[in-house]
N, C-alpha and C. Protein backbone atom coordinates (compact mmCIF):
# COMPACT_ATOMS: atom_id res chain seq x y z
N UNK A 1 0.87 -1.49 0.01
CA UNK A 1 0.16 -0.33 -0.03
C UNK A 1 0.90 0.83 -0.19
N UNK A 2 0.27 2.12 -0.47
CA UNK A 2 0.92 3.59 -0.75
C UNK A 2 0.75 4.41 0.00
N UNK A 3 1.92 5.20 0.62
CA UNK A 3 1.15 6.09 1.66
C UNK A 3 1.32 7.63 0.68
N UNK A 4 0.02 8.32 1.22
CA UNK A 4 0.50 9.27 0.71
C UNK A 4 1.00 10.18 0.34
N UNK A 5 1.15 11.15 -0.80
CA UNK A 5 2.13 11.79 -1.42
C UNK A 5 3.61 11.02 -1.41
N UNK A 6 3.55 9.50 -1.28
CA UNK A 6 5.28 8.33 -1.98
C UNK A 6 5.06 8.77 -3.83
N UNK A 7 5.36 8.75 -4.18
CA UNK A 7 5.80 8.55 -5.53
C UNK A 7 5.79 6.80 -6.22
N UNK A 8 4.91 6.29 -7.30
CA UNK A 8 5.28 5.00 -7.56
C UNK A 8 5.79 5.54 -8.87
N UNK A 9 7.02 4.99 -9.63
CA UNK A 9 7.05 4.84 -10.94
C UNK A 9 6.69 3.57 -11.77
N UNK A 10 6.60 4.11 -12.69
CA UNK A 10 5.44 3.59 -13.80
C UNK A 10 6.78 2.95 -14.47
N UNK A 11 6.37 1.69 -14.57
CA UNK A 11 6.59 0.67 -15.89
C UNK A 11 6.54 0.78 -17.09
N UNK A 12 7.43 0.77 -18.27
CA UNK A 12 6.67 1.38 -19.69
C UNK A 12 5.11 0.83 -20.11
N UNK A 13 5.20 0.05 -19.65
CA UNK A 13 3.87 -0.28 -20.42
C UNK A 13 2.40 0.32 -19.71
N UNK A 14 3.06 0.83 -18.34
CA UNK A 14 1.95 1.44 -17.89
C UNK A 14 1.42 2.97 -18.64
N UNK A 15 2.57 3.43 -19.05
CA UNK A 15 2.53 5.04 -20.31
C UNK A 15 1.69 4.68 -21.47
N UNK A 16 0.87 5.29 -21.40
CA UNK A 16 0.47 4.98 -22.57
C UNK A 16 0.93 6.21 -23.98
N UNK A 17 1.23 6.74 -22.86
CA UNK A 17 1.80 8.27 -23.91
C UNK A 17 2.99 7.74 -24.69
N UNK A 18 4.35 6.61 -24.35
CA UNK A 18 5.02 6.17 -25.13
C UNK A 18 4.70 4.80 -26.25
N UNK A 19 3.80 4.27 -25.92
CA UNK A 19 3.11 3.16 -26.56
C UNK A 19 2.77 3.43 -28.30
N UNK A 20 1.85 5.43 -28.11
CA UNK A 20 1.34 6.34 -29.17
C UNK A 20 2.61 6.20 -29.97
N UNK A 21 3.72 6.60 -29.54
CA UNK A 21 4.73 6.87 -30.11
C UNK A 21 6.16 5.91 -30.45
N UNK A 22 5.70 4.56 -30.28
CA UNK A 22 6.51 3.69 -30.78
C UNK A 22 6.81 3.42 -32.13
N UNK A 23 5.36 3.26 -32.90
CA UNK A 23 5.23 3.01 -33.94
C UNK A 23 5.67 3.92 -34.88
N UNK A 24 5.67 5.53 -34.52
CA UNK A 24 6.33 6.31 -35.05
C UNK A 24 7.72 6.63 -35.98
N UNK A 25 7.36 6.72 -37.62
CA UNK A 25 9.30 6.69 -38.27
C UNK A 25 8.88 8.07 -38.17
N UNK A 26 10.12 8.47 -38.64
CA UNK A 26 10.82 9.53 -39.04
C UNK A 26 10.94 9.64 -41.04
N UNK A 27 9.55 10.05 -41.96
CA UNK A 27 10.42 9.78 -42.87
C UNK A 27 11.75 10.74 -43.90
N UNK A 28 12.26 11.57 -42.41
CA UNK A 28 13.54 12.39 -43.20
C UNK A 28 14.86 11.34 -43.00
N UNK A 29 14.43 10.63 -41.71
CA UNK A 29 15.53 9.64 -41.42
C UNK A 29 15.58 8.25 -42.75
N UNK A 30 14.62 8.25 -43.24
CA UNK A 30 14.28 7.30 -44.48
C UNK A 30 15.61 8.02 -45.45
N UNK A 31 15.24 8.81 -46.01
CA UNK A 31 15.19 9.44 -47.04
C UNK A 31 17.15 9.71 -47.34
N UNK A 32 16.96 10.48 -45.91
CA UNK A 32 18.87 10.51 -45.78
C UNK A 32 19.58 9.48 -46.21
N UNK A 33 19.49 7.89 -46.13
CA UNK A 33 20.03 7.58 -46.30
C UNK A 33 19.79 6.46 -47.72
N UNK A 34 19.10 7.30 -48.40
CA UNK A 34 18.57 6.40 -50.01
C UNK A 34 20.14 6.52 -50.80
N UNK A 35 20.31 5.09 -51.40
CA UNK A 35 21.19 4.62 -52.58
C UNK A 35 20.93 5.12 -54.02
N UNK A 36 19.33 5.32 -54.05
CA UNK A 36 18.25 5.15 -55.01
C UNK A 36 18.56 6.30 -55.60
N UNK A 37 19.09 7.88 -55.08
CA UNK A 37 19.43 8.85 -55.98
C UNK A 37 20.42 8.61 -56.86
N UNK A 38 21.11 7.14 -57.61
CA UNK A 38 22.61 7.34 -58.16
C UNK A 38 22.11 7.19 -59.96
N UNK A 39 22.64 7.80 -60.57
CA UNK A 39 22.71 8.15 -61.84
C UNK A 39 23.84 7.48 -62.55
N UNK A 40 23.53 7.27 -64.19
CA UNK A 40 25.78 6.85 -64.45
C UNK A 40 25.81 8.38 -64.93
N UNK A 41 27.23 8.34 -64.98
CA UNK A 41 28.05 9.61 -66.26
C UNK A 41 27.52 9.02 -66.99
N UNK A 42 27.02 10.51 -67.91
CA UNK A 42 26.93 9.91 -69.70
C UNK A 42 28.43 9.64 -70.14
N UNK A 43 29.57 10.39 -69.70
CA UNK A 43 30.82 10.26 -69.99
C UNK A 43 31.66 8.94 -69.83
N UNK A 44 31.70 8.64 -68.45
CA UNK A 44 32.50 7.65 -68.34
C UNK A 44 31.83 6.51 -67.40
N UNK A 45 29.75 6.75 -67.40
CA UNK A 45 29.64 5.48 -67.08
C UNK A 45 29.28 5.17 -65.48
N UNK A 46 30.15 5.52 -64.70
CA UNK A 46 29.85 5.70 -63.12
C UNK A 46 29.33 6.07 -62.77
N UNK A 47 28.73 4.85 -62.16
CA UNK A 47 27.25 5.82 -61.03
C UNK A 47 28.11 7.35 -59.98
N UNK A 48 26.59 8.27 -60.11
CA UNK A 48 27.26 9.35 -59.12
C UNK A 48 25.68 9.76 -58.84
N UNK A 49 25.91 11.00 -58.24
CA UNK A 49 24.67 11.30 -57.64
C UNK A 49 23.63 12.32 -58.37
N UNK A 50 22.80 11.49 -58.17
CA UNK A 50 21.84 12.79 -59.41
C UNK A 50 21.59 13.88 -59.39
N UNK A 51 22.21 14.40 -57.67
CA UNK A 51 22.17 16.07 -57.86
C UNK A 51 23.61 16.60 -58.39
N UNK A 52 24.42 15.75 -58.30
CA UNK A 52 25.76 16.25 -58.63
C UNK A 52 25.83 16.76 -60.49
N UNK A 53 26.70 18.22 -60.08
CA UNK A 53 26.56 19.32 -61.42
C UNK A 53 28.10 18.02 -62.35
N UNK A 54 29.18 17.92 -61.67
CA UNK A 54 30.21 17.22 -61.90
C UNK A 54 30.77 16.18 -61.38
N UNK A 55 30.99 15.34 -62.65
CA UNK A 55 31.33 13.75 -61.78
C UNK A 55 32.87 13.85 -61.35
N UNK A 56 32.39 13.40 -60.23
CA UNK A 56 33.68 12.88 -59.46
C UNK A 56 34.96 12.21 -59.78
N UNK A 57 34.72 11.37 -60.68
CA UNK A 57 35.97 10.64 -61.42
C UNK A 57 36.54 10.84 -62.76
N UNK A 58 35.51 11.55 -63.45
CA UNK A 58 36.14 11.47 -64.59
C UNK A 58 35.99 13.50 -64.78
N UNK A 59 35.47 14.23 -63.83
CA UNK A 59 35.66 15.60 -63.90
C UNK A 59 34.76 16.52 -65.40
N UNK A 60 33.95 15.51 -65.73
CA UNK A 60 32.84 16.01 -66.66
C UNK A 60 31.91 16.61 -66.04
N UNK A 61 31.44 17.90 -67.02
CA UNK A 61 29.58 18.26 -66.33
C UNK A 61 28.96 17.40 -66.63
N UNK A 62 28.31 17.29 -65.79
CA UNK A 62 26.67 16.81 -65.89
C UNK A 62 25.70 17.54 -66.52
N UNK A 63 25.20 17.53 -67.36
CA UNK A 63 23.78 18.74 -67.83
C UNK A 63 22.99 17.69 -68.25
N UNK A 64 21.95 18.07 -67.89
CA UNK A 64 20.63 17.76 -68.18
C UNK A 64 19.57 18.62 -69.03
N UNK A 65 19.32 18.08 -69.85
CA UNK A 65 18.30 18.77 -71.16
C UNK A 65 16.78 18.98 -70.82
N UNK A 66 16.49 19.98 -70.96
CA UNK A 66 15.28 20.85 -70.52
C UNK A 66 14.04 20.71 -71.44
N UNK A 67 15.00 20.43 -72.87
CA UNK A 67 14.20 20.25 -74.21
C UNK A 67 13.02 19.20 -73.49
N UNK A 68 12.04 19.15 -74.57
CA UNK A 68 10.79 18.13 -74.59
C UNK A 68 11.37 17.35 -75.57
N UNK A 69 12.27 17.24 -76.73
CA UNK A 69 12.39 16.78 -77.76
C UNK A 69 13.41 15.67 -77.27
N UNK A 70 14.13 15.90 -76.31
CA UNK A 70 15.62 15.08 -75.31
C UNK A 70 15.14 13.83 -75.29
N UNK A 71 16.02 12.62 -75.96
CA UNK A 71 15.46 11.41 -75.40
C UNK A 71 14.68 10.96 -76.37
N UNK A 72 14.13 11.87 -77.34
CA UNK A 72 13.08 11.40 -78.55
C UNK A 72 13.78 10.53 -79.96
N UNK A 73 13.62 9.34 -80.29
CA UNK A 73 14.11 9.07 -81.76
C UNK A 73 13.51 9.93 -82.94
N UNK A 74 14.33 9.92 -83.59
CA UNK A 74 14.17 10.86 -85.13
C UNK A 74 12.95 10.47 -85.40
N UNK A 75 12.71 9.19 -85.83
CA UNK A 75 11.17 9.50 -86.06
C UNK A 75 10.08 9.63 -85.70
N UNK A 76 10.01 9.87 -84.09
CA UNK A 76 9.16 10.48 -83.54
C UNK A 76 8.83 11.98 -83.90
N UNK A 77 9.85 12.16 -84.10
CA UNK A 77 10.28 14.13 -84.15
C UNK A 77 9.59 14.19 -85.42
N UNK A 78 10.02 13.03 -86.65
CA UNK A 78 9.77 13.51 -87.84
C UNK A 78 8.21 13.38 -88.31
N UNK A 79 7.64 12.13 -87.56
CA UNK A 79 6.53 11.98 -87.82
C UNK A 79 5.37 13.46 -86.74
N UNK A 80 6.09 13.94 -85.59
CA UNK A 80 5.22 14.91 -85.13
C UNK A 80 5.01 16.39 -86.42
N UNK A 81 6.45 16.22 -86.81
CA UNK A 81 6.57 17.44 -87.76
C UNK A 81 5.40 17.46 -88.54
N UNK A 82 5.49 15.83 -89.26
CA UNK A 82 4.31 15.54 -90.47
C UNK A 82 3.64 16.01 -90.27
N UNK A 83 2.71 15.91 -89.05
CA UNK A 83 1.22 15.81 -88.73
C UNK A 83 1.03 17.32 -88.54
N UNK A 84 2.05 18.23 -87.70
CA UNK A 84 1.25 19.42 -87.43
C UNK A 84 1.66 19.81 -89.18
N UNK A 85 2.52 20.37 -90.05
CA UNK A 85 2.15 20.25 -91.45
C UNK A 85 0.99 19.87 -91.95
N UNK A 86 0.57 18.76 -91.83
CA UNK A 86 -0.76 17.74 -92.30
C UNK A 86 -1.94 19.29 -91.70
N UNK A 87 -2.03 19.02 -90.58
CA UNK A 87 -2.96 20.32 -90.32
C UNK A 87 -3.41 21.31 -90.48
N UNK A 88 -2.11 21.94 -90.66
CA UNK A 88 -1.74 23.31 -91.04
C UNK A 88 -2.26 23.56 -92.92
N UNK A 89 -2.19 21.86 -93.53
CA UNK A 89 -2.36 22.61 -95.09
C UNK A 89 -4.11 22.45 -95.40
N UNK A 90 -4.05 21.29 -94.25
CA UNK A 90 -5.66 21.13 -94.12
C UNK A 90 -6.54 22.30 -93.87
N UNK A 91 -6.29 23.33 -92.98
CA UNK A 91 -7.09 24.11 -92.63
C UNK A 91 -6.70 25.39 -93.53
N UNK A 92 -5.63 25.64 -94.10
CA UNK A 92 -5.70 26.32 -95.31
C UNK A 92 -6.36 26.57 -96.70
N UNK A 93 -6.98 25.13 -96.36
CA UNK A 93 -7.41 25.06 -97.91
C UNK A 93 -8.82 25.76 -97.76
């Protein structure tokens, strides 16, 4: 029996507040250790970080094209131009 004014130590299972936070995971902790942000250098083909401006192995600058036609095959671009030209000719008739 506890006397008035005496303190009782709580076991971890008695503290419901800590049970609620046991399953919580910090999303920033997971993103700090991601190795998925690696790409290949276009010059030497070694893996570098996606955000790198310069390859640490060969020293070449890594440029990323912002052109909407970058990475498209030639036939895709030619077919698009033929389609645009055909539409203009049809509308001008």
